[in-house]
Structure formats: structure tokens, C-alpha cells
Amino acid sequence: MAESHSESTSDSPTTTSSTHDQSAISTSTRSHHVPEIPIEIISEEEMAILDAALAATRSFLPSAIRSAAASPSRGVSKASITMLSKRKLSACSSSSSLDIEDSFLRRFRKNQALGVTDLTATEWCEKQMENVLCLGRRKVSKAMKLGQARHLELEEEVVKRVRVKVESNEDKWALKLLSSIAGVNQFLFEGRTRELLLVGFVGGQWIVGVIDEVSKASAGDSSDTGPLLSDTKTRVRDTLPAEPQRRNGRLQVMLYKLLWDTVVKEEFPATRFFNYFALNRHEVLSKDVRDNIADAGIPAQTLEEIVRYYETTFKMLPVANDQLLLRYEFQQDRSIIAEIRFPHDPEWVMSKYKEVIEFWRSEREAEYTPEEERWKCRYCQFAKSCPGNPSLQSPSPSSPPREPRPLAS
């Protein structure tokens, strides 16, 4: 999916963390006079999506936030044995990975959250995701690079990057959560923020996402005054994408709303968070990180205190707007192809979410993309060896249907 903003939770399925990383901090480039615009702190090494970390100044933090600082083994069933025998035909089959307890989640995202784009990439094609996990990351196309560069350019309308040293995973998570705190405050004070990082526990699974843009809804749009969540997709062609691509984009923004609403409405399971990510809640953060936290006006010394601020910050917010927005932009001249508003569908997004989580937990076999959508195979790096590719038995599938740019009203 060349149009999707990258949000995978690790640089590769087997990424390991190192200490003494250099993280980038971004300071605002806005020209109007507001006391010290937020800082963005970016960890380069752990998660590709976590390239945003805004640290707000004391004046950006309401007093309500400041005061807040105060796996068992499974038995072997007949179903699991059947699944194991089937999986011998998949890309992940090997003599070294026949542990029935192994799942994609445990093998490739241990102590990591699933990214929203992990979920949407799985919806696009489960077999492709299986191959990516087991054989290696898909190639980055020119269109994908242009899309990533455009997202970075949009982000830099608000912030500018600088560097900060981190020495532990606790440091990294402190900066990630500081990102969210500062992003929320930028939204509250300026009416808009970009690349807002969220982490939450949704349906028994840790999910992390970076929302492209959060803005205040216009009074004339609807009676719903909740924050408007939107995502920008760049296009090589001056046309709307095929419906499966638009569906995948709608799923992405709906998952952002699901994640937002979960963090806003539900108690943050702090103990579960520290346990799952193997973090020491009481460890004193490094001096550089503490200095940046202090610059943001937060009197915190440990990750546990930052987690409290994170939860309290989001408890001030309403649920997201039920109207969501997808924006398609032509890469060549950056003109807007279309802005598509659509309603949130809680039942549909939860059904899709559960299907995808079943795949990641290896509760069922990976499925091929539906036959009517197998034109996708033409753009897949694994097509030559995939049994689901129709071109292996017949002429190559036709190109996806595309819609022209809507006429201006």
C-alpha cells in the first residue's frame, strides 16, 4: 500500500533495542508569539511509527495535568495440531519454529505493541503480511518514499527536529508518552496537531498509532464537536484509488478513533503496561530525558509518573468525532484530488479488528486476498511464489478500477 503512512511497530520482525540511542527533538517553527511552542522528541531505533515526540513548555500544561503526578503454557489440542500441520506449507514453516505456542504476535512483536498500519496491512492481504514477517520487509517503492517525505513535510509545518540521548527503554517510552501529552496540549491551544502518538489497550491487545492530523471540528460541519481525525494519502495518479484501497484507508482512520476513544474513556492499565513491555516503573530516567521533561513543566523523575500524566491528559478530552476524513493528494503538484468524509462504523471496525487479531495470534490460517481483488498480486513482491497469485495459472489480472478526480462544485 504505497499510500499508507508507515506505522509499523519495529524496523524489522526481529529488531532488538540498544542503549545510548540518539533521539531527535523537534522545536516549533511557527512565527506567532506563543510561549515556547512544543518540542518533538523522536526515537530513531525502536519503532518506525514513533518518530514524533513533542515536549510542551510549562505554560502549555494545564494545572489539572500537573497535579496528577502524585503467560501460562497452553495444552496441545487437535485443532492446534491441525493448524500446525497446515502451516508447514506456509512461508513461516521451519524445523526451528514448530512450537505450537508460537504466534506471529509472540514471534515478531514480543514486548511490542501492534501498530495501526500492522493491522491495515494485514487487512490488505494476510498472506502478504505473513510473508513480510517470515521472509522480510517489502521493498520501499518510489511512491512510498514520496509519500513518507510528504508526511514529514506536513509535520515540519509545526515542528523542527533536534537531538536527545536516551539510555534505556524507560527513557524511550517516557519520550513517546511526552509526545502525546504535548500533542494534546497543542491541539487544545492551537486547534490542531499532527503526528499524535497514542498507545492503548484495545480488546486485550496493546495498540499504538500515530494520527496524521487532529483538528477541532467546525461548528457548521455537524452537531458533533469532538476532535476530527484525518489522514492524508498521496497518489502517483491524479485519480481516486480503487475501493479496496479506500476501504483500507477508512479502516485506518476508524482504528485511530477506536484507539482514541479507548484511551479517553477507559482506565489506563498501568501495571499491565509495565509488565507487557518489560519496563521498570520505578527506574529514574536519564538526566537528558529528565531535563526535557522538566522543560515541559512536568515534575517527573520516573516512567510511572509520566504514565500518570499521559492518562490524566487524555481524560480531559471528549471522544473523537463520529465523522472522519480521508484526504487524497496528487504527488506531482500536491493538489487535492478529493476529501472524503465518512461516518465511523463501530460494528464494522470491531469485526475487522477481531479478524486481524485472530491472524496475529495465529488462531487461524492466513487467508489469500479475495479473488475479485487479486489484481493486488501485480504489486506484491511475493507474487512469483504465492499460490494465491492468479497469474500462475492464468493471464495476469486486470488493473484495479480507478475513479477520476471529482469535479469541483
Protein backbone atom coordinates (compact mmCIF):
# COMPACT_ATOMS: atom_id res chain seq x y z
CA MET A 1 0.00 0.00 0.00
CA ALA A 2 2.12 2.82 -1.29
CA GLU A 3 -0.26 5.42 0.02
CA SER A 4 -0.21 4.47 3.69
CA HIS A 5 1.90 6.41 6.13
CA SER A 6 4.34 3.95 7.68
CA GLU A 7 3.41 2.97 11.19
CA SER A 8 4.90 -0.45 11.81
CA THR A 9 6.00 -1.05 15.35
CA SER A 10 9.50 -2.21 14.59
CA ASP A 11 12.05 -1.73 11.87
CA SER A 12 12.12 -5.47 11.22
CA PRO A 13 10.40 -8.51 12.72
CA THR A 14 13.44 -9.27 14.87
CA THR A 15 14.60 -5.80 15.86
CA THR A 16 16.38 -5.56 19.20
CA SER A 17 16.90 -2.43 21.24
CA SER A 18 20.21 -0.87 22.19
CA THR A 19 21.07 1.78 24.74
CA HIS A 20 22.55 5.25 24.40
CA ASP A 21 20.43 6.00 21.33
CA GLN A 22 20.20 9.44 19.87
CA SER A 23 16.65 10.73 19.66
CA ALA A 24 15.56 13.79 17.79
CA ILE A 25 13.72 16.66 19.39
CA SER A 26 11.71 19.00 17.22
CA THR A 27 11.04 22.60 18.11
CA SER A 28 8.26 24.61 16.55
CA THR A 29 8.85 26.80 13.53
CA ARG A 30 5.67 28.85 13.93
CA SER A 31 6.13 32.60 13.75
CA HIS A 32 3.34 33.80 16.05
CA HIS A 33 4.26 34.63 19.62
CA VAL A 34 3.21 31.80 21.90
CA PRO A 35 5.39 30.94 24.91
CA GLU A 36 7.78 28.22 23.69
CA ILE A 37 5.96 26.10 21.16
CA PRO A 38 6.09 22.30 21.82
CA ILE A 39 9.20 20.22 21.27
CA GLU A 40 9.06 16.90 19.41
CA ILE A 41 11.30 14.06 20.59
CA ILE A 42 11.90 11.26 18.14
CA SER A 43 13.37 7.81 18.81
CA GLU A 44 15.09 6.55 15.68
CA GLU A 45 15.77 2.99 16.65
CA GLU A 46 12.75 1.23 18.07
CA MET A 47 9.52 1.78 16.16
CA ALA A 48 9.16 3.33 12.73
CA ILE A 49 5.93 5.00 13.76
CA LEU A 50 7.45 6.56 16.84
CA ASP A 51 9.12 9.45 15.08
CA ALA A 52 7.15 12.06 16.97
CA ALA A 53 7.69 13.35 20.47
CA LEU A 54 6.52 16.83 21.36
CA ALA A 55 7.55 18.26 24.70
CA ALA A 56 5.38 21.16 25.81
CA THR A 57 6.51 24.07 27.96
CA ARG A 58 5.07 24.75 31.39
CA SER A 59 2.66 27.31 30.01
CA PHE A 60 1.13 24.66 27.72
CA LEU A 61 0.27 22.33 30.60
CA PRO A 62 -3.00 22.97 32.48
CA SER A 63 -2.81 22.74 36.24
CA ALA A 64 -5.11 19.73 36.14
CA ILE A 65 -2.32 17.75 34.50
CA ARG A 66 0.41 18.98 36.84
CA SER A 67 -1.47 17.79 39.91
CA ALA A 68 -1.84 14.30 38.50
CA ALA A 69 1.71 13.23 39.20
CA ALA A 70 1.11 12.25 42.57
CA SER A 71 1.92 -16.26 30.31
CA PRO A 72 0.88 -19.73 31.26
CA SER A 73 1.51 -22.54 28.89
CA ARG A 74 -1.35 -23.98 26.84
CA GLY A 75 -2.26 -27.57 26.23
CA VAL A 76 -2.00 -29.17 22.77
CA SER A 77 -5.40 -29.52 21.15
CA LYS A 78 -6.45 -31.38 17.99
CA ALA A 79 -7.20 -28.02 16.37
CA SER A 80 -3.74 -26.70 17.10
CA ILE A 81 -2.11 -29.85 15.73
CA THR A 82 -4.15 -29.49 12.54
CA MET A 83 -3.15 -25.84 12.25
CA LEU A 84 0.50 -26.76 12.76
CA SER A 85 0.43 -29.34 10.01
CA LYS A 86 -1.15 -26.84 7.61
CA ARG A 87 1.39 -24.18 8.47
CA LYS A 88 4.17 -26.42 7.17
CA LEU A 89 3.10 -25.16 3.73
CA SER A 90 3.48 -21.51 4.70
CA ALA A 91 6.46 -19.19 4.46
CA CYS A 92 6.96 -19.42 8.23
CA SER A 93 7.39 -23.16 8.34
CA SER A 94 10.73 -24.41 9.54
CA SER A 95 12.02 -27.11 11.84
CA SER A 96 13.08 -24.43 14.30
CA SER A 97 9.62 -22.88 14.66
CA LEU A 98 7.30 -25.78 15.39
CA ASP A 99 6.36 -24.64 18.89
CA ILE A 100 2.57 -24.72 18.95
CA GLU A 101 2.55 -21.83 21.39
CA ASP A 102 4.31 -19.62 18.83
CA SER A 103 2.16 -16.99 17.17
CA PHE A 104 3.07 -14.11 14.90
CA LEU A 105 2.45 -11.81 17.83
CA ARG A 106 4.85 -13.64 20.13
CA ARG A 107 7.47 -14.32 17.48
CA PHE A 108 7.58 -10.92 15.81
CA ARG A 109 6.07 -8.42 18.26
CA LYS A 110 7.14 -9.71 21.66
CA ASN A 111 7.05 -6.88 24.20
CA GLN A 112 5.84 -4.58 21.42
CA ALA A 113 2.50 -3.08 20.52
CA LEU A 114 0.86 -3.74 17.19
CA GLY A 115 0.81 -0.65 15.01
CA VAL A 116 -2.37 0.51 13.34
CA THR A 117 -0.64 0.05 9.98
CA ASP A 118 0.27 -3.51 11.01
CA LEU A 119 -3.47 -4.03 11.23
CA THR A 120 -4.35 -2.32 7.94
CA ALA A 121 -1.55 -4.11 6.08
CA THR A 122 -2.97 -7.39 7.36
CA GLU A 123 -6.45 -6.44 6.12
CA TRP A 124 -4.93 -5.64 2.71
CA CYS A 125 -3.58 -9.20 2.35
CA GLU A 126 -2.93 -11.65 5.16
CA LYS A 127 -0.65 -13.80 3.03
CA GLN A 128 1.46 -10.80 2.12
CA MET A 129 1.78 -9.88 5.79
CA GLU A 130 2.74 -13.47 6.65
CA ASN A 131 5.49 -13.31 4.01
CA VAL A 132 6.68 -9.92 5.21
CA LEU A 133 7.04 -11.29 8.74
CA CYS A 134 8.72 -14.52 7.74
CA LEU A 135 10.73 -13.57 4.65
CA GLY A 136 11.46 -9.91 5.10
CA ARG A 137 10.05 -6.43 4.74
CA ARG A 138 8.52 -5.46 1.43
CA LYS A 139 10.51 -3.20 -0.86
CA VAL A 140 10.01 0.53 -0.44
CA SER A 141 8.85 1.97 -3.75
CA LYS A 142 9.48 5.45 -5.08
CA ALA A 143 5.83 6.31 -4.46
CA MET A 144 6.11 5.19 -0.83
CA LYS A 145 9.24 7.29 -0.34
CA LEU A 146 7.48 10.33 -1.79
CA GLY A 147 4.50 9.74 0.49
CA GLN A 148 6.72 9.45 3.55
CA ALA A 149 8.57 12.63 2.58
CA ARG A 150 5.26 14.48 2.20
CA HIS A 151 4.12 13.40 5.68
CA LEU A 152 7.42 14.64 7.09
CA GLU A 153 6.98 17.95 5.30
CA LEU A 154 3.46 18.37 6.70
CA GLU A 155 4.76 17.57 10.17
CA GLU A 156 7.54 20.14 9.87
CA GLU A 157 4.95 22.87 9.29
CA VAL A 158 4.54 22.65 13.06
CA VAL A 159 7.84 21.35 14.45
CA LYS A 160 11.59 21.22 13.84
CA ARG A 161 13.84 18.31 14.86
CA VAL A 162 16.71 18.38 17.35
CA ARG A 163 18.55 15.63 19.25
CA VAL A 164 18.21 13.99 22.69
CA LYS A 165 20.11 11.00 24.09
CA VAL A 166 18.22 8.08 25.60
CA GLU A 167 19.78 5.33 27.67
CA SER A 168 17.01 2.80 28.29
CA ASN A 169 13.64 1.58 27.13
CA GLU A 170 12.14 3.52 30.03
CA ASP A 171 13.68 6.68 28.56
CA LYS A 172 12.22 5.89 25.15
CA TRP A 173 8.73 5.32 26.48
CA ALA A 174 8.90 8.45 28.61
CA LEU A 175 9.60 10.48 25.46
CA LYS A 176 6.87 8.72 23.50
CA LEU A 177 4.25 9.50 26.13
CA LEU A 178 5.57 13.03 26.48
CA SER A 179 4.88 13.28 22.75
CA SER A 180 1.21 12.56 23.33
CA ILE A 181 0.91 14.95 26.28
CA ALA A 182 2.40 17.82 24.31
CA GLY A 183 0.42 16.99 21.17
CA VAL A 184 -2.83 17.13 23.11
CA ASN A 185 -1.89 20.49 24.57
CA GLN A 186 -1.01 21.83 21.16
CA PHE A 187 -4.44 20.70 19.96
CA LEU A 188 -6.16 22.38 22.91
CA PHE A 189 -4.32 25.69 22.48
CA GLU A 190 -3.99 25.90 18.70
CA GLY A 191 -6.90 23.78 17.46
CA ARG A 192 -4.70 21.34 15.54
CA THR A 193 -1.81 18.93 15.95
CA ARG A 194 -0.05 16.46 13.68
CA GLU A 195 1.51 13.04 14.14
CA LEU A 196 -0.17 12.47 17.50
CA LEU A 197 1.06 9.26 19.10
CA LEU A 198 -1.38 7.09 21.06
CA VAL A 199 -0.89 3.81 22.88
CA GLY A 200 -3.82 1.93 24.37
CA PHE A 201 -5.13 -1.48 25.37
CA VAL A 202 -7.88 -2.42 22.90
CA GLY A 203 -9.72 -5.71 23.13
CA GLY A 204 -6.94 -7.44 25.04
CA GLN A 205 -4.10 -6.18 22.84
CA TRP A 206 -1.70 -3.23 23.05
CA ILE A 207 -2.09 -0.98 20.01
CA VAL A 208 -0.02 2.04 19.04
CA GLY A 209 -0.83 4.55 16.34
CA VAL A 210 0.24 7.94 15.05
CA ILE A 211 -2.73 10.00 13.92
CA ASP A 212 -1.85 12.11 10.90
CA GLU A 213 -3.91 15.11 12.00
CA VAL A 214 -6.28 16.02 14.83
CA SER A 215 -8.25 19.26 14.49
CA LYS A 216 -11.19 20.98 16.08
CA ALA A 217 -14.40 20.36 14.19
CA SER A 218 -16.04 23.34 12.50
CA ALA A 219 -19.29 24.39 14.08
CA GLY A 220 -21.05 24.18 10.73
CA ASP A 221 -19.95 20.65 9.95
CA SER A 222 -22.25 18.87 12.39
CA SER A 223 -23.54 18.96 15.94
CA ASP A 224 -20.68 16.62 16.92
CA THR A 225 -17.94 18.81 18.40
CA GLY A 226 -15.46 16.02 19.12
CA PRO A 227 -11.95 16.23 17.65
CA LEU A 228 -11.83 15.49 13.91
CA LEU A 229 -9.37 12.72 12.98
CA SER A 230 -8.00 12.73 9.43
CA ASP A 231 -5.33 11.13 7.29
CA THR A 232 -3.67 12.32 4.06
CA LYS A 233 -2.83 9.82 1.32
CA THR A 234 -0.58 10.83 -1.56
CA ARG A 235 -1.27 9.49 -5.06
CA VAL A 236 1.00 8.92 -8.06
CA ARG A 237 -2.04 9.24 -10.35
CA ASP A 238 -4.50 12.10 -10.44
CA THR A 239 -7.36 9.72 -9.62
CA LEU A 240 -9.06 8.21 -6.62
CA PRO A 241 -7.81 4.71 -5.74
CA ALA A 242 -9.81 1.52 -6.10
CA GLU A 243 -12.47 0.76 -3.50
CA PRO A 244 -10.32 -1.82 -1.62
CA GLN A 245 -7.70 0.90 -1.12
CA ARG A 246 -10.32 3.41 0.05
CA ARG A 247 -11.77 0.76 2.37
CA ASN A 248 -8.32 0.16 3.82
CA GLY A 249 -7.91 3.91 4.37
CA ARG A 250 -11.29 4.12 6.09
CA LEU A 251 -10.29 1.22 8.33
CA GLN A 252 -7.09 3.03 9.30
CA VAL A 253 -8.88 6.19 10.44
CA MET A 254 -11.61 4.20 12.20
CA LEU A 255 -8.92 2.31 14.10
CA TYR A 256 -7.47 5.66 15.17
CA LYS A 257 -10.89 6.63 16.54
CA LEU A 258 -11.22 3.27 18.28
CA LEU A 259 -7.81 3.79 19.88
CA TRP A 260 -8.53 7.44 20.80
CA ASP A 261 -11.89 6.63 22.39
CA THR A 262 -10.41 3.73 24.35
CA VAL A 263 -7.66 5.92 25.83
CA VAL A 264 -10.14 8.72 26.60
CA LYS A 265 -12.88 6.61 28.19
CA GLU A 266 -11.15 3.67 29.86
CA GLU A 267 -8.72 3.44 32.74
CA PHE A 268 -5.17 3.01 31.52
CA PRO A 269 -3.94 -0.44 32.72
CA ALA A 270 -0.57 0.76 34.03
CA THR A 271 0.53 -2.49 35.67
CA ARG A 272 -0.30 -4.44 32.54
CA PHE A 273 1.61 -1.84 30.51
CA PHE A 274 4.80 -2.17 32.57
CA ASN A 275 4.61 -5.95 32.57
CA TYR A 276 3.92 -6.39 28.86
CA PHE A 277 6.65 -4.02 27.70
CA ALA A 278 9.10 -5.29 30.36
CA LEU A 279 9.58 -1.83 31.89
CA ASN A 280 10.68 -0.81 35.38
CA ARG A 281 8.15 1.74 36.59
CA HIS A 282 10.41 2.97 39.40
CA GLU A 283 13.64 3.42 37.44
CA VAL A 284 14.87 7.01 37.50
CA LEU A 285 15.07 8.35 33.95
CA SER A 286 18.36 9.57 32.49
CA LYS A 287 19.43 13.16 33.09
CA ASP A 288 18.87 14.29 29.48
CA VAL A 289 15.35 12.89 29.49
CA ARG A 290 14.57 14.36 32.92
CA ASP A 291 15.81 17.74 31.71
CA ASN A 292 13.46 17.60 28.73
CA ILE A 293 10.56 16.57 30.93
CA ALA A 294 11.34 19.46 33.27
CA ASP A 295 11.43 21.85 30.30
CA ALA A 296 7.89 20.68 29.56
CA GLY A 297 6.85 21.75 33.04
CA ILE A 298 6.32 18.24 34.40
CA PRO A 299 7.94 17.40 37.76
CA ALA A 300 8.52 13.72 36.94
CA GLN A 301 11.52 11.53 37.61
CA THR A 302 10.22 8.07 36.63
CA LEU A 303 8.24 6.48 33.82
CA GLU A 304 5.42 5.71 36.25
CA GLU A 305 4.89 9.42 36.81
CA ILE A 306 4.84 10.12 33.07
CA VAL A 307 2.24 7.37 32.60
CA ARG A 308 0.02 9.13 35.15
CA TYR A 309 0.32 12.40 33.26
CA TYR A 310 -0.48 10.61 29.99
CA GLU A 311 -3.68 9.11 31.38
CA THR A 312 -4.79 12.35 33.05
CA THR A 313 -4.16 14.37 29.87
CA PHE A 314 -6.47 12.21 27.77
CA LYS A 315 -9.15 12.10 30.46
CA MET A 316 -9.67 15.83 29.76
CA LEU A 317 -10.72 15.11 26.19
CA PRO A 318 -14.03 14.06 24.62
CA VAL A 319 -14.37 11.06 22.33
CA ALA A 320 -13.41 11.69 18.73
CA ASN A 321 -15.87 12.99 16.18
CA ASP A 322 -18.05 10.35 14.51
CA GLN A 323 -17.27 11.99 11.17
CA LEU A 324 -13.83 11.04 9.87
CA LEU A 325 -11.80 12.40 6.96
CA LEU A 326 -9.58 10.90 4.25
CA ARG A 327 -7.70 13.36 2.05
CA TYR A 328 -6.16 12.28 -1.28
CA GLU A 329 -3.37 14.45 -2.65
CA PHE A 330 -1.70 14.30 -6.08
CA GLN A 331 2.05 13.85 -5.58
CA GLN A 332 3.07 15.79 -8.67
CA ASP A 333 1.58 19.18 -7.77
CA ARG A 334 0.13 18.50 -4.29
CA SER A 335 -3.34 19.42 -5.41
CA ILE A 336 -6.25 17.84 -3.55
CA ILE A 337 -7.86 15.03 -5.52
CA ALA A 338 -10.66 14.59 -3.02
CA GLU A 339 -11.58 14.98 0.63
CA ILE A 340 -13.87 12.16 1.66
CA ARG A 341 -15.86 12.44 4.88
CA PHE A 342 -17.41 9.25 6.17
CA PRO A 343 -19.13 8.11 9.38
CA HIS A 344 -17.48 5.89 11.94
CA ASP A 345 -18.90 2.36 11.87
CA PRO A 346 -18.16 0.79 15.29
CA GLU A 347 -19.55 -2.65 14.46
CA TRP A 348 -17.64 -2.94 11.17
CA VAL A 349 -14.32 -1.75 12.58
CA MET A 350 -14.56 -4.09 15.58
CA SER A 351 -15.32 -7.06 13.33
CA LYS A 352 -12.30 -6.21 11.16
CA TYR A 353 -10.15 -5.68 14.24
CA LYS A 354 -11.06 -9.08 15.66
CA GLU A 355 -10.33 -10.79 12.33
CA VAL A 356 -6.88 -9.23 12.16
CA ILE A 357 -6.06 -10.04 15.79
CA GLU A 358 -7.00 -13.67 15.12
CA PHE A 359 -4.34 -13.72 12.41
CA TRP A 360 -1.68 -12.18 14.67
CA ARG A 361 -2.49 -14.62 17.45
CA SER A 362 -2.31 -17.49 14.92
CA GLU A 363 -5.80 -18.61 15.87
CA ARG A 364 -6.40 -19.42 12.20
CA GLU A 365 -4.52 -19.69 8.92
CA ALA A 366 -3.59 -16.61 6.90
CA GLU A 367 -6.07 -16.11 4.07
CA TYR A 368 -5.42 -15.06 0.49
CA THR A 369 -6.92 -11.81 -0.71
CA PRO A 370 -10.44 -12.31 -2.22
CA GLU A 371 -10.46 -13.43 -5.85
CA GLU A 372 -12.06 -10.21 -7.06
CA GLU A 373 -9.17 -8.27 -5.51
CA ARG A 374 -6.29 -10.36 -6.78
CA TRP A 375 -5.15 -7.56 -9.06
CA LYS A 376 -3.23 -6.67 -5.89
CA CYS A 377 -0.86 -9.52 -6.73
CA ARG A 378 0.60 -7.44 -9.56
CA TYR A 379 2.08 -5.10 -6.95
CA CYS A 380 3.27 -7.73 -4.46
CA GLN A 381 6.94 -8.67 -4.17
CA PHE A 382 5.96 -12.24 -3.22
CA ALA A 383 3.66 -12.82 -6.22
CA LYS A 384 6.03 -15.13 -8.11
CA SER A 385 5.92 -17.76 -5.38
CA CYS A 386 2.43 -17.21 -3.95
CA PRO A 387 -0.17 -19.90 -4.76
CA GLY A 388 -2.88 -17.24 -4.49
CA ASN A 389 -1.50 -15.32 -7.47
CA PRO A 390 -3.90 -15.99 -10.39
CA SER A 391 -1.18 -15.24 -12.97
CA LEU A 392 0.49 -18.53 -12.03
CA GLN A 393 -2.42 -20.37 -13.68
CA SER A 394 -3.90 -17.73 -16.00
CA PRO A 395 -3.14 -14.37 -17.61
CA SER A 396 -2.27 -11.58 -15.23
CA PRO A 397 -5.22 -9.91 -13.53
CA SER A 398 -6.53 -6.62 -14.75
CA SER A 399 -5.59 -3.36 -13.13
CA PRO A 400 -7.72 -2.09 -10.25
CA PRO A 401 -10.64 0.15 -11.21
CA ARG A 402 -9.97 3.81 -10.54
CA GLU A 403 -12.23 6.81 -10.31
CA PRO A 404 -11.39 10.18 -11.89
CA ARG A 405 -10.82 13.28 -9.81
CA PRO A 406 -14.24 14.58 -8.66
CA LEU A 407 -15.42 17.69 -10.47
CA ALA A 408 -15.18 20.88 -8.46
CA SER A 409 -18.58 22.02 -7.23
